[in-house]
N, C-alpha and C. Protein backbone atom coordinates (compact mmCIF):
# COMPACT_ATOMS: atom_id res chain seq x y z
N UNK A 1 89.77 52.79 44.14
CA UNK A 1 90.24 53.65 45.20
C UNK A 1 90.47 55.05 44.62
N UNK A 2 89.87 56.02 45.22
CA UNK A 2 90.03 57.38 44.73
C UNK A 2 91.19 58.07 45.45
N UNK A 3 91.49 59.26 44.98
CA UNK A 3 92.63 60.01 45.48
C UNK A 3 92.47 60.37 46.95
N UNK A 4 91.28 60.76 47.35
CA UNK A 4 91.02 61.14 48.74
C UNK A 4 91.26 59.98 49.69
N UNK A 5 90.84 58.78 49.30
CA UNK A 5 91.03 57.61 50.14
C UNK A 5 92.52 57.28 50.27
N UNK A 6 93.23 57.35 49.15
CA UNK A 6 94.67 57.08 49.18
C UNK A 6 95.39 58.11 50.03
N UNK A 7 95.03 59.36 49.90
CA UNK A 7 95.65 60.42 50.68
C UNK A 7 95.35 60.24 52.17
N UNK A 8 94.12 59.84 52.48
CA UNK A 8 93.76 59.59 53.88
C UNK A 8 94.55 58.43 54.46
N UNK A 9 94.75 57.37 53.66
CA UNK A 9 95.55 56.23 54.11
C UNK A 9 97.00 56.61 54.34
N UNK A 10 97.55 57.42 53.46
CA UNK A 10 98.93 57.88 53.62
C UNK A 10 99.06 58.75 54.86
N UNK A 11 98.10 59.62 55.06
CA UNK A 11 98.11 60.49 56.24
C UNK A 11 98.05 59.67 57.53
N UNK A 12 97.20 58.65 57.54
CA UNK A 12 97.08 57.79 58.72
C UNK A 12 98.39 57.03 58.97
N UNK A 13 99.01 56.54 57.90
CA UNK A 13 100.29 55.84 58.01
C UNK A 13 101.37 56.76 58.58
N UNK A 14 101.43 58.00 58.09
CA UNK A 14 102.42 58.95 58.58
C UNK A 14 102.16 59.32 60.03
N UNK A 15 100.89 59.42 60.42
CA UNK A 15 100.56 59.71 61.82
C UNK A 15 100.99 58.56 62.73
N UNK A 16 100.78 57.34 62.29
CA UNK A 16 101.18 56.18 63.09
C UNK A 16 102.68 56.09 63.25
N UNK A 17 103.42 56.47 62.22
CA UNK A 17 104.87 56.36 62.27
C UNK A 17 105.57 57.51 62.95
N UNK A 18 104.88 58.61 63.15
CA UNK A 18 105.48 59.75 63.82
C UNK A 18 106.22 60.67 62.87
N UNK A 19 106.80 61.71 63.44
CA UNK A 19 107.45 62.74 62.64
C UNK A 19 108.68 62.22 61.90
N UNK A 20 109.33 61.20 62.44
CA UNK A 20 110.53 60.65 61.79
C UNK A 20 110.17 60.02 60.44
N UNK A 21 108.99 59.48 60.34
CA UNK A 21 108.55 58.86 59.09
C UNK A 21 108.45 59.89 57.96
N UNK A 22 108.09 61.11 58.29
CA UNK A 22 108.04 62.18 57.30
C UNK A 22 109.46 62.48 56.81
N UNK A 23 110.43 62.48 57.71
CA UNK A 23 111.82 62.71 57.32
C UNK A 23 112.31 61.58 56.43
N UNK A 24 111.96 60.35 56.78
CA UNK A 24 112.37 59.20 55.96
C UNK A 24 111.75 59.31 54.57
N UNK A 25 110.50 59.73 54.50
CA UNK A 25 109.84 59.89 53.21
C UNK A 25 110.55 60.96 52.38
N UNK A 26 110.89 62.08 52.99
CA UNK A 26 111.61 63.13 52.28
C UNK A 26 112.97 62.66 51.82
N UNK A 27 113.70 61.97 52.67
CA UNK A 27 115.01 61.43 52.32
C UNK A 27 114.89 60.45 51.15
N UNK A 28 113.86 59.63 51.17
CA UNK A 28 113.66 58.65 50.10
C UNK A 28 113.35 59.34 48.78
N UNK A 29 112.53 60.38 48.81
CA UNK A 29 112.23 61.12 47.58
C UNK A 29 113.50 61.75 47.01
N UNK A 30 114.32 62.34 47.85
CA UNK A 30 115.57 62.96 47.39
C UNK A 30 116.50 61.89 46.81
N UNK A 31 116.63 60.77 47.52
CA UNK A 31 117.49 59.68 47.06
C UNK A 31 117.03 59.17 45.70
N UNK A 32 115.74 58.97 45.54
CA UNK A 32 115.23 58.46 44.26
C UNK A 32 115.31 59.49 43.15
N UNK A 33 115.24 60.77 43.50
CA UNK A 33 115.43 61.81 42.48
C UNK A 33 116.84 61.72 41.92
N UNK A 34 117.82 61.53 42.78
CA UNK A 34 119.21 61.40 42.31
C UNK A 34 119.42 60.10 41.55
N UNK A 35 118.78 59.02 41.98
CA UNK A 35 118.90 57.74 41.26
C UNK A 35 118.32 57.89 39.86
N UNK A 36 117.14 58.47 39.76
CA UNK A 36 116.51 58.65 38.45
C UNK A 36 117.31 59.60 37.57
N UNK A 37 117.92 60.61 38.17
CA UNK A 37 118.77 61.52 37.40
C UNK A 37 119.96 60.78 36.80
N UNK A 38 120.57 59.90 37.60
CA UNK A 38 121.72 59.13 37.11
C UNK A 38 121.30 58.16 36.00
N UNK A 39 120.16 57.51 36.18
CA UNK A 39 119.69 56.60 35.14
C UNK A 39 119.36 57.35 33.85
N UNK A 40 118.75 58.52 33.99
CA UNK A 40 118.46 59.34 32.80
C UNK A 40 119.75 59.75 32.11
N UNK A 41 120.78 60.08 32.90
CA UNK A 41 122.07 60.44 32.30
C UNK A 41 122.62 59.28 31.48
N UNK A 42 122.61 58.09 32.04
CA UNK A 42 123.19 56.95 31.33
C UNK A 42 122.39 56.57 30.09
N UNK A 43 121.09 56.74 30.13
CA UNK A 43 120.28 56.35 28.98
C UNK A 43 120.16 57.43 27.92
N UNK A 44 120.40 58.71 28.27
CA UNK A 44 120.19 59.77 27.31
C UNK A 44 121.42 60.63 27.02
N UNK A 45 122.22 60.95 28.02
CA UNK A 45 123.29 61.93 27.81
C UNK A 45 124.69 61.34 27.74
N UNK A 46 124.90 60.20 28.35
CA UNK A 46 126.26 59.66 28.44
C UNK A 46 126.82 59.31 27.07
N UNK A 47 126.01 58.81 26.19
CA UNK A 47 126.49 58.47 24.84
C UNK A 47 126.99 59.71 24.12
N UNK A 48 126.32 60.83 24.28
CA UNK A 48 126.77 62.07 23.67
C UNK A 48 128.10 62.55 24.23
N UNK A 49 128.27 62.42 25.55
CA UNK A 49 129.55 62.78 26.16
C UNK A 49 130.67 61.89 25.65
N UNK A 50 130.39 60.60 25.51
CA UNK A 50 131.41 59.67 24.99
C UNK A 50 131.75 60.00 23.54
N UNK A 51 130.75 60.33 22.75
CA UNK A 51 131.00 60.69 21.34
C UNK A 51 131.85 61.95 21.24
N UNK A 52 131.59 62.92 22.11
CA UNK A 52 132.40 64.15 22.10
C UNK A 52 133.85 63.84 22.45
N UNK A 53 134.06 62.97 23.43
CA UNK A 53 135.43 62.60 23.80
C UNK A 53 136.12 61.86 22.67
N UNK A 54 135.40 60.94 22.03
CA UNK A 54 135.96 60.20 20.90
C UNK A 54 136.28 61.13 19.73
N UNK A 55 135.39 62.08 19.48
CA UNK A 55 135.60 63.03 18.39
C UNK A 55 136.83 63.90 18.66
N UNK A 56 136.95 64.35 19.90
CA UNK A 56 138.11 65.17 20.27
C UNK A 56 139.41 64.37 20.15
N UNK A 57 139.37 63.11 20.54
CA UNK A 57 140.55 62.25 20.46
C UNK A 57 140.91 61.94 19.00
N UNK A 58 139.92 61.63 18.21
CA UNK A 58 140.22 61.27 16.82
C UNK A 58 140.61 62.50 15.99
N UNK A 59 140.28 63.71 16.43
CA UNK A 59 140.68 64.92 15.72
C UNK A 59 142.17 65.21 15.90
N UNK A 60 142.77 64.60 16.90
CA UNK A 60 144.20 64.79 17.14
C UNK A 60 145.00 63.96 16.14
N UNK A 61 146.04 64.52 15.64
CA UNK A 61 146.91 63.76 14.73
C UNK A 61 147.95 62.96 15.52
N UNK A 62 148.28 63.44 16.70
CA UNK A 62 149.30 62.78 17.53
C UNK A 62 148.62 61.97 18.64
N UNK A 63 148.86 60.68 18.67
CA UNK A 63 148.31 59.82 19.71
C UNK A 63 149.39 59.14 20.53
N UNK A 64 150.66 59.47 20.30
CA UNK A 64 151.74 58.72 20.95
C UNK A 64 152.58 59.56 21.90
N UNK A 65 152.53 60.85 21.84
CA UNK A 65 153.39 61.68 22.68
C UNK A 65 152.89 61.70 24.13
N UNK A 66 153.71 62.25 24.98
CA UNK A 66 153.34 62.38 26.39
C UNK A 66 152.11 63.27 26.52
N UNK A 67 152.05 64.33 25.73
CA UNK A 67 150.92 65.25 25.76
C UNK A 67 149.63 64.54 25.33
N UNK A 68 149.75 63.70 24.30
CA UNK A 68 148.58 62.95 23.84
C UNK A 68 148.08 62.00 24.93
N UNK A 69 149.00 61.35 25.63
CA UNK A 69 148.61 60.46 26.73
C UNK A 69 147.92 61.24 27.85
N UNK A 70 148.46 62.43 28.12
CA UNK A 70 147.86 63.26 29.17
C UNK A 70 146.45 63.71 28.76
N UNK A 71 146.27 64.07 27.50
CA UNK A 71 144.95 64.48 27.01
C UNK A 71 143.98 63.31 27.06
N UNK A 72 144.45 62.13 26.69
CA UNK A 72 143.61 60.92 26.76
C UNK A 72 143.18 60.66 28.20
N UNK A 73 144.14 60.75 29.12
CA UNK A 73 143.82 60.55 30.54
C UNK A 73 142.81 61.59 31.02
N UNK A 74 142.95 62.82 30.54
CA UNK A 74 142.01 63.87 30.92
C UNK A 74 140.61 63.56 30.40
N UNK A 75 140.50 63.12 29.15
CA UNK A 75 139.19 62.78 28.58
C UNK A 75 138.54 61.65 29.36
N UNK A 76 139.32 60.65 29.72
CA UNK A 76 138.78 59.52 30.50
C UNK A 76 138.37 60.00 31.88
N UNK A 77 139.20 60.83 32.49
CA UNK A 77 138.88 61.34 33.83
C UNK A 77 137.61 62.19 33.83
N UNK A 78 137.45 63.02 32.82
CA UNK A 78 136.24 63.84 32.74
C UNK A 78 135.00 62.98 32.55
N UNK A 79 135.12 61.95 31.71
CA UNK A 79 133.99 61.04 31.49
C UNK A 79 133.65 60.29 32.78
N UNK A 80 134.68 59.88 33.50
CA UNK A 80 134.46 59.16 34.76
C UNK A 80 133.80 60.06 35.79
N UNK A 81 134.25 61.31 35.86
CA UNK A 81 133.67 62.26 36.80
C UNK A 81 132.19 62.51 36.49
N UNK A 82 131.86 62.67 35.22
CA UNK A 82 130.46 62.87 34.84
C UNK A 82 129.62 61.63 35.14
N UNK A 83 130.19 60.45 34.91
CA UNK A 83 129.45 59.21 35.13
C UNK A 83 129.21 58.94 36.61
N UNK A 84 130.16 59.34 37.45
CA UNK A 84 130.04 59.07 38.89
C UNK A 84 129.45 60.22 39.67
N UNK A 85 128.99 61.25 38.98
CA UNK A 85 128.39 62.40 39.63
C UNK A 85 127.18 61.96 40.46
N UNK A 86 127.12 62.38 41.71
CA UNK A 86 126.02 62.12 42.66
C UNK A 86 125.92 60.67 43.13
N UNK A 87 126.79 59.78 42.69
CA UNK A 87 126.72 58.39 43.14
C UNK A 87 127.06 58.31 44.64
N UNK A 88 128.07 59.04 45.07
CA UNK A 88 128.43 59.04 46.49
C UNK A 88 127.31 59.64 47.35
N UNK A 89 126.62 60.63 46.81
CA UNK A 89 125.50 61.22 47.54
C UNK A 89 124.38 60.19 47.73
N UNK A 90 124.09 59.43 46.68
CA UNK A 90 123.07 58.38 46.78
C UNK A 90 123.50 57.34 47.81
N UNK A 91 124.76 56.95 47.78
CA UNK A 91 125.25 55.96 48.75
C UNK A 91 125.17 56.49 50.18
N UNK A 92 125.40 57.78 50.35
CA UNK A 92 125.27 58.38 51.67
C UNK A 92 123.82 58.37 52.14
N UNK A 93 122.91 58.71 51.25
CA UNK A 93 121.48 58.68 51.61
C UNK A 93 121.03 57.26 51.94
N UNK A 94 121.57 56.28 51.23
CA UNK A 94 121.26 54.88 51.52
C UNK A 94 121.74 54.52 52.93
N UNK A 95 122.91 55.01 53.30
CA UNK A 95 123.45 54.71 54.63
C UNK A 95 122.70 55.44 55.74
N UNK A 96 122.16 56.60 55.43
CA UNK A 96 121.48 57.40 56.45
C UNK A 96 120.05 56.91 56.71
N UNK A 97 119.41 56.32 55.71
CA UNK A 97 118.00 55.90 55.85
C UNK A 97 117.77 54.96 57.04
N UNK A 98 118.59 53.91 57.25
CA UNK A 98 118.34 53.07 58.43
C UNK A 98 118.59 53.80 59.75
N UNK A 99 119.46 54.80 59.72
CA UNK A 99 119.70 55.57 60.95
C UNK A 99 118.47 56.40 61.31
N UNK A 100 117.79 56.93 60.30
CA UNK A 100 116.53 57.62 60.58
C UNK A 100 115.49 56.62 61.11
N UNK A 101 115.50 55.41 60.56
CA UNK A 101 114.61 54.37 61.08
C UNK A 101 114.90 54.06 62.53
N UNK A 102 116.17 54.02 62.88
CA UNK A 102 116.56 53.79 64.27
C UNK A 102 116.12 54.93 65.16
N UNK A 103 116.21 56.15 64.64
CA UNK A 103 115.72 57.30 65.40
C UNK A 103 114.22 57.16 65.66
N UNK A 104 113.48 56.69 64.66
CA UNK A 104 112.06 56.44 64.86
C UNK A 104 111.80 55.37 65.91
N UNK A 105 112.64 54.35 65.93
CA UNK A 105 112.52 53.31 66.95
C UNK A 105 112.70 53.90 68.34
N UNK A 106 113.72 54.71 68.50
CA UNK A 106 114.00 55.31 69.81
C UNK A 106 112.87 56.24 70.24
N UNK A 107 112.39 57.09 69.33
CA UNK A 107 111.32 58.01 69.71
C UNK A 107 110.03 57.25 70.03
N UNK A 108 109.76 56.16 69.31
CA UNK A 108 108.58 55.35 69.60
C UNK A 108 108.68 54.67 70.95
N UNK A 109 109.87 54.18 71.28
CA UNK A 109 110.04 53.53 72.59
C UNK A 109 109.96 54.54 73.72
N UNK A 110 110.41 55.76 73.47
CA UNK A 110 110.28 56.80 74.49
C UNK A 110 108.80 57.05 74.78
N UNK A 111 107.97 57.07 73.74
CA UNK A 111 106.54 57.28 73.98
C UNK A 111 105.93 56.09 74.71
N UNK A 112 106.42 54.87 74.46
CA UNK A 112 105.95 53.69 75.21
C UNK A 112 106.29 53.85 76.68
N UNK A 113 107.52 54.27 76.96
CA UNK A 113 107.93 54.44 78.36
C UNK A 113 107.17 55.59 79.03
N UNK A 114 106.83 56.63 78.25
CA UNK A 114 106.02 57.71 78.80
C UNK A 114 104.64 57.20 79.22
N UNK A 115 104.02 56.37 78.39
CA UNK A 115 102.71 55.80 78.72
C UNK A 115 102.82 54.94 79.98
N UNK A 116 103.89 54.16 80.05
CA UNK A 116 104.07 53.30 81.23
C UNK A 116 104.27 54.15 82.49
N UNK A 117 104.99 55.25 82.37
CA UNK A 117 105.24 56.10 83.54
C UNK A 117 103.96 56.82 83.98
N UNK A 118 103.17 57.26 83.01
CA UNK A 118 101.95 58.00 83.35
C UNK A 118 100.89 57.07 83.91
N UNK A 119 100.69 55.93 83.23
CA UNK A 119 99.61 55.03 83.67
C UNK A 119 100.03 54.15 84.83
N UNK A 120 101.31 53.97 85.02
CA UNK A 120 101.78 53.14 86.13
C UNK A 120 101.63 51.66 85.87
N UNK A 121 101.27 51.29 84.64
CA UNK A 121 101.13 49.87 84.32
C UNK A 121 101.60 49.64 82.89
N UNK A 122 101.60 48.39 82.52
CA UNK A 122 102.01 48.05 81.16
C UNK A 122 100.78 47.62 80.36
N UNK A 123 99.81 48.51 80.25
CA UNK A 123 98.59 48.26 79.49
C UNK A 123 98.94 48.22 78.00
N UNK A 124 98.74 47.08 77.38
CA UNK A 124 99.12 46.89 75.98
C UNK A 124 98.38 47.84 75.05
N UNK A 125 97.13 48.08 75.34
CA UNK A 125 96.34 48.97 74.48
C UNK A 125 96.89 50.40 74.52
N UNK A 126 97.30 50.85 75.68
CA UNK A 126 97.83 52.20 75.82
C UNK A 126 99.21 52.32 75.16
N UNK A 127 99.95 51.23 75.16
CA UNK A 127 101.30 51.26 74.60
C UNK A 127 101.34 51.01 73.10
N UNK A 128 100.25 50.59 72.50
CA UNK A 128 100.27 50.18 71.09
C UNK A 128 100.67 51.32 70.14
N UNK A 129 100.26 52.54 70.44
CA UNK A 129 100.64 53.66 69.57
C UNK A 129 102.15 53.86 69.57
N UNK A 130 102.77 53.74 70.74
CA UNK A 130 104.22 53.88 70.83
C UNK A 130 104.97 52.76 70.12
N UNK A 131 104.43 51.54 70.25
CA UNK A 131 105.06 50.40 69.57
C UNK A 131 104.96 50.59 68.06
N UNK A 132 103.83 51.08 67.60
CA UNK A 132 103.66 51.37 66.18
C UNK A 132 104.65 52.43 65.73
N UNK A 133 104.83 53.46 66.56
CA UNK A 133 105.80 54.51 66.23
C UNK A 133 107.23 53.98 66.25
N UNK A 134 107.45 52.90 66.95
CA UNK A 134 108.80 52.33 67.00
C UNK A 134 109.08 51.42 65.80
N UNK A 135 108.08 50.71 65.33
CA UNK A 135 108.34 49.72 64.28
C UNK A 135 108.17 50.26 62.86
N UNK A 136 107.22 51.12 62.65
CA UNK A 136 106.96 51.61 61.28
C UNK A 136 108.15 52.38 60.71
N UNK A 137 108.76 53.33 61.44
CA UNK A 137 109.92 54.01 60.88
C UNK A 137 111.12 53.08 60.64
N UNK A 138 111.27 52.09 61.50
CA UNK A 138 112.35 51.12 61.29
C UNK A 138 112.16 50.39 59.97
N UNK A 139 110.96 49.93 59.74
CA UNK A 139 110.65 49.24 58.49
C UNK A 139 110.83 50.18 57.30
N UNK A 140 110.35 51.40 57.40
CA UNK A 140 110.45 52.35 56.29
C UNK A 140 111.90 52.69 55.99
N UNK A 141 112.72 52.87 57.01
CA UNK A 141 114.13 53.17 56.80
C UNK A 141 114.85 52.02 56.12
N UNK A 142 114.52 50.79 56.51
CA UNK A 142 115.16 49.62 55.90
C UNK A 142 114.71 49.45 54.44
N UNK A 143 113.44 49.64 54.18
CA UNK A 143 112.93 49.51 52.80
C UNK A 143 113.58 50.58 51.90
N UNK A 144 113.66 51.80 52.39
CA UNK A 144 114.30 52.86 51.62
C UNK A 144 115.76 52.53 51.35
N UNK A 145 116.46 52.06 52.36
CA UNK A 145 117.88 51.74 52.20
C UNK A 145 118.09 50.58 51.23
N UNK A 146 117.27 49.55 51.34
CA UNK A 146 117.44 48.39 50.46
C UNK A 146 117.14 48.75 49.00
N UNK A 147 116.09 49.51 48.78
CA UNK A 147 115.77 49.89 47.40
C UNK A 147 116.87 50.77 46.82
N UNK A 148 117.38 51.69 47.60
CA UNK A 148 118.46 52.55 47.13
C UNK A 148 119.77 51.81 46.95
N UNK A 149 120.03 50.83 47.82
CA UNK A 149 121.28 50.07 47.74
C UNK A 149 121.38 49.30 46.43
N UNK A 150 120.31 48.68 46.04
CA UNK A 150 120.30 47.91 44.79
C UNK A 150 120.64 48.82 43.61
N UNK A 151 119.98 49.95 43.53
CA UNK A 151 120.20 50.84 42.39
C UNK A 151 121.53 51.58 42.47
N UNK A 152 121.99 51.93 43.65
CA UNK A 152 123.28 52.63 43.74
C UNK A 152 124.41 51.72 43.31
N UNK A 153 124.35 50.44 43.65
CA UNK A 153 125.37 49.50 43.20
C UNK A 153 125.32 49.32 41.69
N UNK A 154 124.13 49.24 41.13
CA UNK A 154 123.98 49.11 39.67
C UNK A 154 124.53 50.35 38.95
N UNK A 155 124.23 51.52 39.49
CA UNK A 155 124.70 52.76 38.87
C UNK A 155 126.22 52.84 38.95
N UNK A 156 126.78 52.45 40.08
CA UNK A 156 128.24 52.48 40.23
C UNK A 156 128.91 51.53 39.23
N UNK A 157 128.36 50.34 39.08
CA UNK A 157 128.89 49.38 38.10
C UNK A 157 128.75 49.91 36.67
N UNK A 158 127.62 50.50 36.40
CA UNK A 158 127.38 51.06 35.06
C UNK A 158 128.39 52.17 34.76
N UNK A 159 128.66 53.02 35.73
CA UNK A 159 129.63 54.10 35.54
C UNK A 159 131.02 53.54 35.25
N UNK A 160 131.43 52.53 36.00
CA UNK A 160 132.75 51.93 35.78
C UNK A 160 132.82 51.25 34.41
N UNK A 161 131.78 50.55 34.05
CA UNK A 161 131.76 49.85 32.77
C UNK A 161 131.80 50.83 31.60
N UNK A 162 130.99 51.88 31.66
CA UNK A 162 130.97 52.85 30.57
C UNK A 162 132.30 53.60 30.46
N UNK A 163 132.92 53.89 31.60
CA UNK A 163 134.23 54.55 31.57
C UNK A 163 135.29 53.63 30.98
N UNK A 164 135.24 52.36 31.33
CA UNK A 164 136.21 51.40 30.78
C UNK A 164 136.01 51.22 29.26
N UNK A 165 134.79 51.21 28.82
CA UNK A 165 134.51 51.10 27.38
C UNK A 165 135.07 52.32 26.66
N UNK A 166 134.86 53.50 27.21
CA UNK A 166 135.40 54.70 26.59
C UNK A 166 136.93 54.66 26.56
N UNK A 167 137.54 54.22 27.65
CA UNK A 167 139.00 54.13 27.69
C UNK A 167 139.51 53.18 26.62
N UNK A 168 138.81 52.09 26.39
CA UNK A 168 139.22 51.13 25.35
C UNK A 168 139.06 51.74 23.95
N UNK A 169 138.06 52.57 23.78
CA UNK A 169 137.83 53.19 22.47
C UNK A 169 138.84 54.28 22.14
N UNK A 170 139.42 54.90 23.16
CA UNK A 170 140.42 55.94 22.94
C UNK A 170 141.77 55.25 22.76
N UNK A 171 141.98 54.73 21.56
CA UNK A 171 143.14 53.90 21.29
C UNK A 171 144.43 54.71 21.21
N UNK A 172 145.47 54.09 21.73
CA UNK A 172 146.81 54.66 21.57
C UNK A 172 147.48 53.98 20.39
N UNK A 173 148.24 54.74 19.62
CA UNK A 173 148.90 54.16 18.45
C UNK A 173 150.34 53.84 18.74
């Protein structure tokens, strides 16, 4: 399969699903960009942030005073904030994807009813384009939401686990 054939198939799929399908595709790309950014952070940058926090904590001579506890809490809070960055945005995009699918369902059904009103009958062949516009965005919205849901939950768990590990490493004396 060459690039032109694949592009033609994608174009046909987007035409069948209507304009809402393009929005769902854009939303999915944005959601996955944030998911991949979070995964890249955990695999490449988070260890460096944790090392900096550990280095700053171990450079302190005092680990028992109220000030030391406050600094420890600040280091943990900063690490948690960096780890959970954009997670809520991903979860929001996951929640919005099925709503865009529902919007596609409604717009597709409106076109079915338009065909019925114009033709005065329920000709299945005439209504098939509207039914396609109703079902394809629904499916696309659900697939986008499910794929994002799996990874957003994993990222959230990973952030909590890495923050807890850092908190355990910042020992109080």
